[in-house]
């Protein structure tokens, strides 16, 4: 199994590659984070799930705290530090009340994007707090938001706002490198729309037994119809990350170790 550890000087170069235009980097580099540490303007959509050995992201009672170990949490914050924006759906905002900032890794805070089609999420959620990062709500209704929060109004396609329209609207704001953190339905919509370039599934060594899963996709009748990405496993220490590639690796430039 590949090691997912990153030396501090390598991480500094990865962050520079992602956020400093013209930063000089060699062609080969860190296999796990190099494909994500792309220059500004790169079109890239990453999905991330933190789960138990049996594929659960919470208990039936809704306890989702501390599923990921320390190293899995650092991994998540590294992903946030390398993208322009992190995206969550309405259910995640309600149940997890995430901050969506970078606290356990070195790097800048991404823009925080909430998909709230019907404008039901209250304004006291932590992702709305003003810490200097951009805060964006994508909704289909005419509802005011707190001062400083940008609102993008997009029409519904059935019961959802189509993921490709979300990606296009964010790209128009200069946000092209995106991290979709959840929940399962939101991530499933992006996967079904073939917009996910890479999916990171971080597995922690615990068995929950019952509870929600991290990815909701339409059912298939035959295994031949299943999605089969190219997968590489990385030992982070407390967790194992499965890097699932849906786009050719040749699309990316790498960062030297």
C-alpha atoms as a PDB file:
ATOM      1  CA  UNK A   1       0.000   0.000   0.000  1.00  0.00           C
ATOM      2  CA  UNK A   2       1.222   3.491  -0.816  1.00  0.00           C
ATOM      3  CA  UNK A   3       2.155   5.869   1.968  1.00  0.00           C
ATOM      4  CA  UNK A   4       0.160   9.096   2.102  1.00  0.00           C
ATOM      5  CA  UNK A   5       2.563  11.045   4.315  1.00  0.00           C
ATOM      6  CA  UNK A   6       3.687  14.465   3.099  1.00  0.00           C
ATOM      7  CA  UNK A   7       6.898  16.173   4.184  1.00  0.00           C
ATOM      8  CA  UNK A   8       6.349  19.816   5.253  1.00  0.00           C
ATOM      9  CA  UNK A   9       8.484  21.209   2.447  1.00  0.00           C
ATOM     10  CA  UNK A  10       6.540  19.156  -0.107  1.00  0.00           C
ATOM     11  CA  UNK A  11       3.246  20.411   1.284  1.00  0.00           C
ATOM     12  CA  UNK A  12       4.494  24.000   1.009  1.00  0.00           C
ATOM     13  CA  UNK A  13       5.210  23.415  -2.679  1.00  0.00           C
ATOM     14  CA  UNK A  14       1.799  21.832  -3.214  1.00  0.00           C
ATOM     15  CA  UNK A  15       0.021  24.832  -1.678  1.00  0.00           C
ATOM     16  CA  UNK A  16       2.191  27.216  -3.700  1.00  0.00           C
ATOM     17  CA  UNK A  17       1.355  25.321  -6.885  1.00  0.00           C
ATOM     18  CA  UNK A  18      -2.354  25.620  -6.126  1.00  0.00           C
ATOM     19  CA  UNK A  19      -2.430  29.293  -5.194  1.00  0.00           C
ATOM     20  CA  UNK A  20       0.589  31.111  -6.635  1.00  0.00           C
ATOM     21  CA  UNK A  21       0.360  31.588 -10.405  1.00  0.00           C
ATOM     22  CA  UNK A  22       3.618  30.784 -12.119  1.00  0.00           C
ATOM     23  CA  UNK A  23       5.051  28.734  -9.253  1.00  0.00           C
ATOM     24  CA  UNK A  24       7.726  26.549 -10.846  1.00  0.00           C
ATOM     25  CA  UNK A  25       7.243  22.820 -10.320  1.00  0.00           C
ATOM     26  CA  UNK A  26       8.813  19.720 -11.817  1.00  0.00           C
ATOM     27  CA  UNK A  27       6.814  17.078 -13.654  1.00  0.00           C
ATOM     28  CA  UNK A  28       6.776  14.190 -11.199  1.00  0.00           C
ATOM     29  CA  UNK A  29       5.612  14.309  -7.626  1.00  0.00           C
ATOM     30  CA  UNK A  30       3.280  13.401  -4.809  1.00  0.00           C
ATOM     31  CA  UNK A  31       0.796  10.840  -6.095  1.00  0.00           C
ATOM     32  CA  UNK A  32      -2.052  11.589  -3.685  1.00  0.00           C
ATOM     33  CA  UNK A  33      -2.079  15.388  -3.597  1.00  0.00           C
ATOM     34  CA  UNK A  34      -0.163  16.284  -6.757  1.00  0.00           C
ATOM     35  CA  UNK A  35      -3.164  15.751  -9.072  1.00  0.00           C
ATOM     36  CA  UNK A  36      -5.243  18.097  -6.891  1.00  0.00           C
ATOM     37  CA  UNK A  37      -2.643  20.849  -6.437  1.00  0.00           C
ATOM     38  CA  UNK A  38      -3.389  22.339  -9.828  1.00  0.00           C
ATOM     39  CA  UNK A  39      -2.853  25.954 -10.903  1.00  0.00           C
ATOM     40  CA  UNK A  40      -5.676  28.497 -10.584  1.00  0.00           C
ATOM     41  CA  UNK A  41      -8.135  28.216 -13.452  1.00  0.00           C
ATOM     42  CA  UNK A  42      -7.891  24.421 -13.711  1.00  0.00           C
ATOM     43  CA  UNK A  43     -11.289  22.726 -14.023  1.00  0.00           C
ATOM     44  CA  UNK A  44     -11.328  20.036 -11.331  1.00  0.00           C
ATOM     45  CA  UNK A  45     -14.075  18.476  -9.199  1.00  0.00           C
ATOM     46  CA  UNK A  46     -13.103  16.287  -6.234  1.00  0.00           C
ATOM     47  CA  UNK A  47     -15.489  14.266  -4.085  1.00  0.00           C
ATOM     48  CA  UNK A  48     -14.665  13.240  -0.519  1.00  0.00           C
ATOM     49  CA  UNK A  49     -16.253  10.741   1.877  1.00  0.00           C
ATOM     50  CA  UNK A  50     -15.139   9.797   5.383  1.00  0.00           C
ATOM     51  CA  UNK A  51     -16.638   6.484   6.478  1.00  0.00           C
ATOM     52  CA  UNK A  52     -16.361   3.356   8.609  1.00  0.00           C
ATOM     53  CA  UNK A  53     -15.200  -0.064   7.421  1.00  0.00           C
ATOM     54  CA  UNK A  54     -18.814  -0.983   6.693  1.00  0.00           C
ATOM     55  CA  UNK A  55     -19.463   2.147   4.684  1.00  0.00           C
ATOM     56  CA  UNK A  56     -21.338   4.214   7.285  1.00  0.00           C
ATOM     57  CA  UNK A  57     -20.893   7.946   7.867  1.00  0.00           C
ATOM     58  CA  UNK A  58     -22.991   8.160  11.052  1.00  0.00           C
ATOM     59  CA  UNK A  59     -25.018   6.082  13.486  1.00  0.00           C
ATOM     60  CA  UNK A  60     -28.776   5.717  13.162  1.00  0.00           C
ATOM     61  CA  UNK A  61     -29.071   8.344  15.905  1.00  0.00           C
ATOM     62  CA  UNK A  62     -27.101  10.780  13.748  1.00  0.00           C
ATOM     63  CA  UNK A  63     -23.761  10.741  15.587  1.00  0.00           C
ATOM     64  CA  UNK A  64     -21.146  11.526  12.938  1.00  0.00           C
ATOM     65  CA  UNK A  65     -18.424  12.983  15.148  1.00  0.00           C
ATOM     66  CA  UNK A  66     -14.967  11.410  15.107  1.00  0.00           C
ATOM     67  CA  UNK A  67     -15.610   8.814  12.416  1.00  0.00           C
ATOM     68  CA  UNK A  68     -12.388   9.858  10.732  1.00  0.00           C
ATOM     69  CA  UNK A  69      -9.198   9.516  12.728  1.00  0.00           C
ATOM     70  CA  UNK A  70      -6.698  12.315  13.206  1.00  0.00           C
ATOM     71  CA  UNK A  71      -4.922  11.603   9.923  1.00  0.00           C
ATOM     72  CA  UNK A  72      -8.194  11.344   8.023  1.00  0.00           C
ATOM     73  CA  UNK A  73      -9.188  14.752   9.359  1.00  0.00           C
ATOM     74  CA  UNK A  74      -5.855  16.249   8.297  1.00  0.00           C
ATOM     75  CA  UNK A  75      -6.390  14.752   4.849  1.00  0.00           C
ATOM     76  CA  UNK A  76      -9.791  16.428   4.535  1.00  0.00           C
ATOM     77  CA  UNK A  77      -8.362  19.803   5.519  1.00  0.00           C
ATOM     78  CA  UNK A  78      -5.521  19.381   3.021  1.00  0.00           C
ATOM     79  CA  UNK A  79      -8.086  18.882   0.286  1.00  0.00           C
ATOM     80  CA  UNK A  80      -9.874  22.054   1.374  1.00  0.00           C
ATOM     81  CA  UNK A  81      -6.603  23.983   1.286  1.00  0.00           C
ATOM     82  CA  UNK A  82      -5.948  23.016  -2.340  1.00  0.00           C
ATOM     83  CA  UNK A  83      -9.300  23.980  -3.895  1.00  0.00           C
ATOM     84  CA  UNK A  84     -11.156  27.188  -4.666  1.00  0.00           C
ATOM     85  CA  UNK A  85     -14.439  26.169  -3.065  1.00  0.00           C
ATOM     86  CA  UNK A  86     -15.974  23.442  -0.925  1.00  0.00           C
ATOM     87  CA  UNK A  87     -19.584  22.440  -1.586  1.00  0.00           C
ATOM     88  CA  UNK A  88     -22.192  20.910   0.721  1.00  0.00           C
ATOM     89  CA  UNK A  89     -25.896  20.278   0.428  1.00  0.00           C
ATOM     90  CA  UNK A  90     -28.692  21.410   2.704  1.00  0.00           C
ATOM     91  CA  UNK A  91     -28.880  18.227   4.801  1.00  0.00           C
ATOM     92  CA  UNK A  92     -25.186  18.391   5.654  1.00  0.00           C
ATOM     93  CA  UNK A  93     -25.562  22.026   6.702  1.00  0.00           C
ATOM     94  CA  UNK A  94     -28.432  21.073   9.019  1.00  0.00           C
ATOM     95  CA  UNK A  95     -27.130  17.848  10.553  1.00  0.00           C
ATOM     96  CA  UNK A  96     -23.368  18.508  10.703  1.00  0.00           C
ATOM     97  CA  UNK A  97     -23.282  22.322  10.847  1.00  0.00           C
ATOM     98  CA  UNK A  98     -19.739  22.272   9.376  1.00  0.00           C
ATOM     99  CA  UNK A  99     -17.295  25.173   9.406  1.00  0.00           C
ATOM    100  CA  UNK A 100     -15.728  24.129   6.076  1.00  0.00           C
ATOM    101  CA  UNK A 101     -12.478  25.959   6.780  1.00  0.00           C
ATOM    102  CA  UNK A 102      -8.838  24.848   7.052  1.00  0.00           C
ATOM    103  CA  UNK A 103      -7.753  24.241  10.648  1.00  0.00           C
ATOM    104  CA  UNK A 104      -5.702  21.027  10.597  1.00  0.00           C
ATOM    105  CA  UNK A 105      -3.401  21.789   7.670  1.00  0.00           C
ATOM    106  CA  UNK A 106      -1.404  24.700   6.328  1.00  0.00           C
ATOM    107  CA  UNK A 107      -3.169  26.649   3.603  1.00  0.00           C
ATOM    108  CA  UNK A 108      -5.913  29.158   2.809  1.00  0.00           C
ATOM    109  CA  UNK A 109      -9.616  28.773   3.509  1.00  0.00           C
ATOM    110  CA  UNK A 110     -11.688  27.959   0.419  1.00  0.00           C
ATOM    111  CA  UNK A 111     -14.936  29.635  -0.494  1.00  0.00           C
ATOM    112  CA  UNK A 112     -17.880  27.915   1.189  1.00  0.00           C
ATOM    113  CA  UNK A 113     -20.792  26.963  -1.057  1.00  0.00           C
ATOM    114  CA  UNK A 114     -24.188  25.806   0.194  1.00  0.00           C
ATOM    115  CA  UNK A 115     -26.683  24.223  -2.189  1.00  0.00           C
ATOM    116  CA  UNK A 116     -30.066  25.118  -0.690  1.00  0.00           C
ATOM    117  CA  UNK A 117     -32.599  24.937  -3.533  1.00  0.00           C
ATOM    118  CA  UNK A 118     -35.643  25.988  -1.512  1.00  0.00           C
ATOM    119  CA  UNK A 119     -33.891  28.391   0.844  1.00  0.00           C
ATOM    120  CA  UNK A 120     -34.695  26.463   3.999  1.00  0.00           C
ATOM    121  CA  UNK A 121     -31.362  26.553   5.811  1.00  0.00           C
ATOM    122  CA  UNK A 122     -31.277  29.077   8.691  1.00  0.00           C
ATOM    123  CA  UNK A 123     -28.724  31.866   8.615  1.00  0.00           C
ATOM    124  CA  UNK A 124     -27.112  30.832  11.909  1.00  0.00           C
ATOM    125  CA  UNK A 125     -25.191  27.918  10.363  1.00  0.00           C
ATOM    126  CA  UNK A 126     -21.439  28.110  10.936  1.00  0.00           C
ATOM    127  CA  UNK A 127     -20.627  28.125   7.232  1.00  0.00           C
ATOM    128  CA  UNK A 128     -22.219  31.592   7.074  1.00  0.00           C
ATOM    129  CA  UNK A 129     -19.865  33.035   9.713  1.00  0.00           C
ATOM    130  CA  UNK A 130     -17.625  35.763   8.334  1.00  0.00           C
ATOM    131  CA  UNK A 131     -13.970  34.710   8.611  1.00  0.00           C
ATOM    132  CA  UNK A 132     -12.795  36.407   5.437  1.00  0.00           C
ATOM    133  CA  UNK A 133     -13.570  33.517   3.073  1.00  0.00           C
ATOM    134  CA  UNK A 134     -16.230  33.842   0.396  1.00  0.00           C
ATOM    135  CA  UNK A 135     -19.647  32.536   1.365  1.00  0.00           C
ATOM    136  CA  UNK A 136     -22.036  31.530  -1.393  1.00  0.00           C
ATOM    137  CA  UNK A 137     -25.561  30.122  -1.414  1.00  0.00           C
ATOM    138  CA  UNK A 138     -27.021  28.525  -4.521  1.00  0.00           C
ATOM    139  CA  UNK A 139     -30.811  28.575  -4.361  1.00  0.00           C
ATOM    140  CA  UNK A 140     -33.879  28.595  -6.588  1.00  0.00           C
ATOM    141  CA  UNK A 141     -35.958  30.984  -4.479  1.00  0.00           C
ATOM    142  CA  UNK A 142     -35.843  34.699  -3.790  1.00  0.00           C
ATOM    143  CA  UNK A 143     -34.630  34.739  -0.206  1.00  0.00           C
ATOM    144  CA  UNK A 144     -32.244  37.295   1.306  1.00  0.00           C
ATOM    145  CA  UNK A 145     -29.128  36.054   3.073  1.00  0.00           C
ATOM    146  CA  UNK A 146     -26.809  37.593   5.684  1.00  0.00           C
ATOM    147  CA  UNK A 147     -24.709  40.565   4.658  1.00  0.00           C
ATOM    148  CA  UNK A 148     -21.651  39.511   2.698  1.00  0.00           C
ATOM    149  CA  UNK A 149     -23.127  36.185   1.563  1.00  0.00           C
ATOM    150  CA  UNK A 150     -23.311  35.899  -2.215  1.00  0.00           C
ATOM    151  CA  UNK A 151     -26.502  34.434  -3.660  1.00  0.00           C
ATOM    152  CA  UNK A 152     -26.679  32.573  -6.970  1.00  0.00           C
ATOM    153  CA  UNK A 153     -30.207  31.897  -8.178  1.00  0.00           C
ATOM    154  CA  UNK A 154     -30.585  28.908 -10.465  1.00  0.00           C
ATOM    155  CA  UNK A 155     -33.768  27.198 -11.575  1.00  0.00           C
ATOM    156  CA  UNK A 156     -34.764  23.705 -10.539  1.00  0.00           C
ATOM    157  CA  UNK A 157     -34.450  20.671 -12.771  1.00  0.00           C
ATOM    158  CA  UNK A 158     -37.139  18.560 -11.183  1.00  0.00           C
ATOM    159  CA  UNK A 159     -36.364  18.610  -7.459  1.00  0.00           C
ATOM    160  CA  UNK A 160     -32.710  19.619  -7.724  1.00  0.00           C
ATOM    161  CA  UNK A 161     -30.451  22.272  -9.157  1.00  0.00           C
ATOM    162  CA  UNK A 162     -28.505  20.494 -11.883  1.00  0.00           C
ATOM    163  CA  UNK A 163     -24.847  19.988 -10.904  1.00  0.00           C
ATOM    164  CA  UNK A 164     -23.518  21.110 -14.293  1.00  0.00           C
ATOM    165  CA  UNK A 165     -25.288  24.444 -13.835  1.00  0.00           C
ATOM    166  CA  UNK A 166     -23.717  24.792 -10.391  1.00  0.00           C
ATOM    167  CA  UNK A 167     -20.241  24.100 -11.781  1.00  0.00           C
ATOM    168  CA  UNK A 168     -20.775  26.630 -14.577  1.00  0.00           C
ATOM    169  CA  UNK A 169     -22.068  29.314 -12.188  1.00  0.00           C
ATOM    170  CA  UNK A 170     -19.093  28.881  -9.866  1.00  0.00           C
ATOM    171  CA  UNK A 171     -16.658  28.919 -12.788  1.00  0.00           C
ATOM    172  CA  UNK A 172     -18.124  32.294 -13.782  1.00  0.00           C
ATOM    173  CA  UNK A 173     -17.005  33.526 -10.354  1.00  0.00           C
ATOM    174  CA  UNK A 174     -13.487  32.174 -10.879  1.00  0.00           C
ATOM    175  CA  UNK A 175     -14.069  29.085  -8.720  1.00  0.00           C
ATOM    176  CA  UNK A 176     -13.064  26.121 -10.871  1.00  0.00           C
ATOM    177  CA  UNK A 177     -11.364  23.717  -8.446  1.00  0.00           C
ATOM    178  CA  UNK A 178     -14.188  22.291  -6.364  1.00  0.00           C
ATOM    179  CA  UNK A 179     -14.462  19.877  -3.431  1.00  0.00           C
ATOM    180  CA  UNK A 180     -17.859  18.227  -2.932  1.00  0.00           C
ATOM    181  CA  UNK A 181     -17.976  17.090   0.702  1.00  0.00           C
ATOM    182  CA  UNK A 182     -21.541  15.903   0.986  1.00  0.00           C
ATOM    183  CA  UNK A 183     -23.928  14.773   1.811  1.00  0.00           C
ATOM    184  CA  UNK A 184     -24.533  11.458   0.123  1.00  0.00           C
ATOM    185  CA  UNK A 185     -27.303  12.775  -2.124  1.00  0.00           C
ATOM    186  CA  UNK A 186     -25.382  15.857  -3.240  1.00  0.00           C
ATOM    187  CA  UNK A 187     -22.250  13.845  -3.985  1.00  0.00           C
ATOM    188  CA  UNK A 188     -24.376  11.257  -5.778  1.00  0.00           C
ATOM    189  CA  UNK A 189     -25.867  13.922  -8.033  1.00  0.00           C
ATOM    190  CA  UNK A 190     -22.390  15.103  -9.053  1.00  0.00           C
ATOM    191  CA  UNK A 191     -21.260  11.512  -9.674  1.00  0.00           C
ATOM    192  CA  UNK A 192     -24.368  10.713 -11.727  1.00  0.00           C
ATOM    193  CA  UNK A 193     -23.735  13.826 -13.818  1.00  0.00           C
ATOM    194  CA  UNK A 194     -20.192  12.544 -14.576  1.00  0.00           C
ATOM    195  CA  UNK A 195     -18.654  15.668 -13.066  1.00  0.00           C
ATOM    196  CA  UNK A 196     -16.389  14.026 -10.473  1.00  0.00           C
ATOM    197  CA  UNK A 197     -12.760  13.780 -11.566  1.00  0.00           C
ATOM    198  CA  UNK A 198     -11.510  12.036  -8.429  1.00  0.00           C
ATOM    199  CA  UNK A 199     -13.305  10.603  -5.406  1.00  0.00           C
ATOM    200  CA  UNK A 200     -11.412  10.194  -2.133  1.00  0.00           C
ATOM    201  CA  UNK A 201     -12.952   7.647   0.229  1.00  0.00           C
ATOM    202  CA  UNK A 202     -11.270   7.796   3.642  1.00  0.00           C
ATOM    203  CA  UNK A 203     -11.946   4.635   5.646  1.00  0.00           C
ATOM    204  CA  UNK A 204     -11.486   4.553   9.415  1.00  0.00           C
ATOM    205  CA  UNK A 205     -11.007   1.288  11.379  1.00  0.00           C
ATOM    206  CA  UNK A 206     -14.402   1.023  13.033  1.00  0.00           C
ATOM    207  CA  UNK A 207     -17.633  -0.854  12.314  1.00  0.00           C
ATOM    208  CA  UNK A 208     -20.891   0.980  13.011  1.00  0.00           C
ATOM    209  CA  UNK A 209     -23.332  -1.719  11.917  1.00  0.00           C
ATOM    210  CA  UNK A 210     -26.164   0.494  10.687  1.00  0.00           C
ATOM    211  CA  UNK A 211     -26.587   4.064   9.564  1.00  0.00           C
ATOM    212  CA  UNK A 212     -26.443   6.302   6.498  1.00  0.00           C
ATOM    213  CA  UNK A 213     -23.874   5.768   3.773  1.00  0.00           C
ATOM    214  CA  UNK A 214     -21.688   8.438   2.213  1.00  0.00           C
ATOM    215  CA  UNK A 215     -22.722   8.082  -1.413  1.00  0.00           C
ATOM    216  CA  UNK A 216     -26.233   7.695  -2.846  1.00  0.00           C
ATOM    217  CA  UNK A 217     -26.422   6.538  -6.460  1.00  0.00           C
ATOM    218  CA  UNK A 218     -29.218   5.052  -8.576  1.00  0.00           C
ATOM    219  CA  UNK A 219     -29.376   1.243  -8.259  1.00  0.00           C
ATOM    220  CA  UNK A 220     -28.039  -1.072 -10.943  1.00  0.00           C
ATOM    221  CA  UNK A 221     -29.311  -4.548 -11.780  1.00  0.00           C
ATOM    222  CA  UNK A 222     -26.055  -6.069 -13.013  1.00  0.00           C
ATOM    223  CA  UNK A 223     -22.504  -5.798 -11.743  1.00  0.00           C
ATOM    224  CA  UNK A 224     -21.424  -5.122 -15.316  1.00  0.00           C
ATOM    225  CA  UNK A 225     -23.199  -1.774 -14.989  1.00  0.00           C
ATOM    226  CA  UNK A 226     -21.266  -0.711 -11.878  1.00  0.00           C
ATOM    227  CA  UNK A 227     -18.842   2.196 -11.947  1.00  0.00           C
ATOM    228  CA  UNK A 228     -15.268   0.883 -11.851  1.00  0.00           C
ATOM    229  CA  UNK A 229     -12.778   3.717 -11.343  1.00  0.00           C
ATOM    230  CA  UNK A 230      -9.027   3.286 -11.246  1.00  0.00           C
ATOM    231  CA  UNK A 231      -8.221   3.002  -7.529  1.00  0.00           C
ATOM    232  CA  UNK A 232      -5.040   3.471  -5.499  1.00  0.00           C
ATOM    233  CA  UNK A 233      -4.978   3.000  -1.710  1.00  0.00           C
ATOM    234  CA  UNK A 234      -2.916   5.245   0.582  1.00  0.00           C
ATOM    235  CA  UNK A 235      -2.086   4.511   4.213  1.00  0.00           C
ATOM    236  CA  UNK A 236      -2.472   7.783   6.115  1.00  0.00           C
ATOM    237  CA  UNK A 237      -1.877   6.242   9.541  1.00  0.00           C
ATOM    238  CA  UNK A 238      -5.207   6.331  11.353  1.00  0.00           C
ATOM    239  CA  UNK A 239      -7.177   5.968   8.104  1.00  0.00           C
ATOM    240  CA  UNK A 240      -6.798   4.554   4.602  1.00  0.00           C
ATOM    241  CA  UNK A 241      -7.732   6.702   1.597  1.00  0.00           C
ATOM    242  CA  UNK A 242      -8.923   5.159  -1.638  1.00  0.00           C
ATOM    243  CA  UNK A 243      -8.150   7.558  -4.487  1.00  0.00           C
ATOM    244  CA  UNK A 244     -10.738   6.760  -7.162  1.00  0.00           C
ATOM    245  CA  UNK A 245      -9.858   8.243 -10.545  1.00  0.00           C
ATOM    246  CA  UNK A 246     -12.572   8.921 -13.106  1.00  0.00           C
ATOM    247  CA  UNK A 247     -10.400  11.025 -15.442  1.00  0.00           C
ATOM    248  CA  UNK A 248      -7.010  10.197 -17.015  1.00  0.00           C
ATOM    249  CA  UNK A 249      -4.011  11.009 -14.859  1.00  0.00           C
ATOM    250  CA  UNK A 250      -2.385  12.598 -17.918  1.00  0.00           C
ATOM    251  CA  UNK A 251      -4.787  15.502 -17.516  1.00  0.00           C
ATOM    252  CA  UNK A 252      -2.906  16.736 -14.463  1.00  0.00           C
ATOM    253  CA  UNK A 253       0.520  18.202 -13.841  1.00  0.00           C
ATOM    254  CA  UNK A 254       2.338  16.896 -10.803  1.00  0.00           C
ATOM    255  CA  UNK A 255       4.304  18.548  -8.022  1.00  0.00           C
ATOM    256  CA  UNK A 256       7.845  17.428  -7.245  1.00  0.00           C
ATOM    257  CA  UNK A 257       8.644  15.737  -3.930  1.00  0.00           C
END
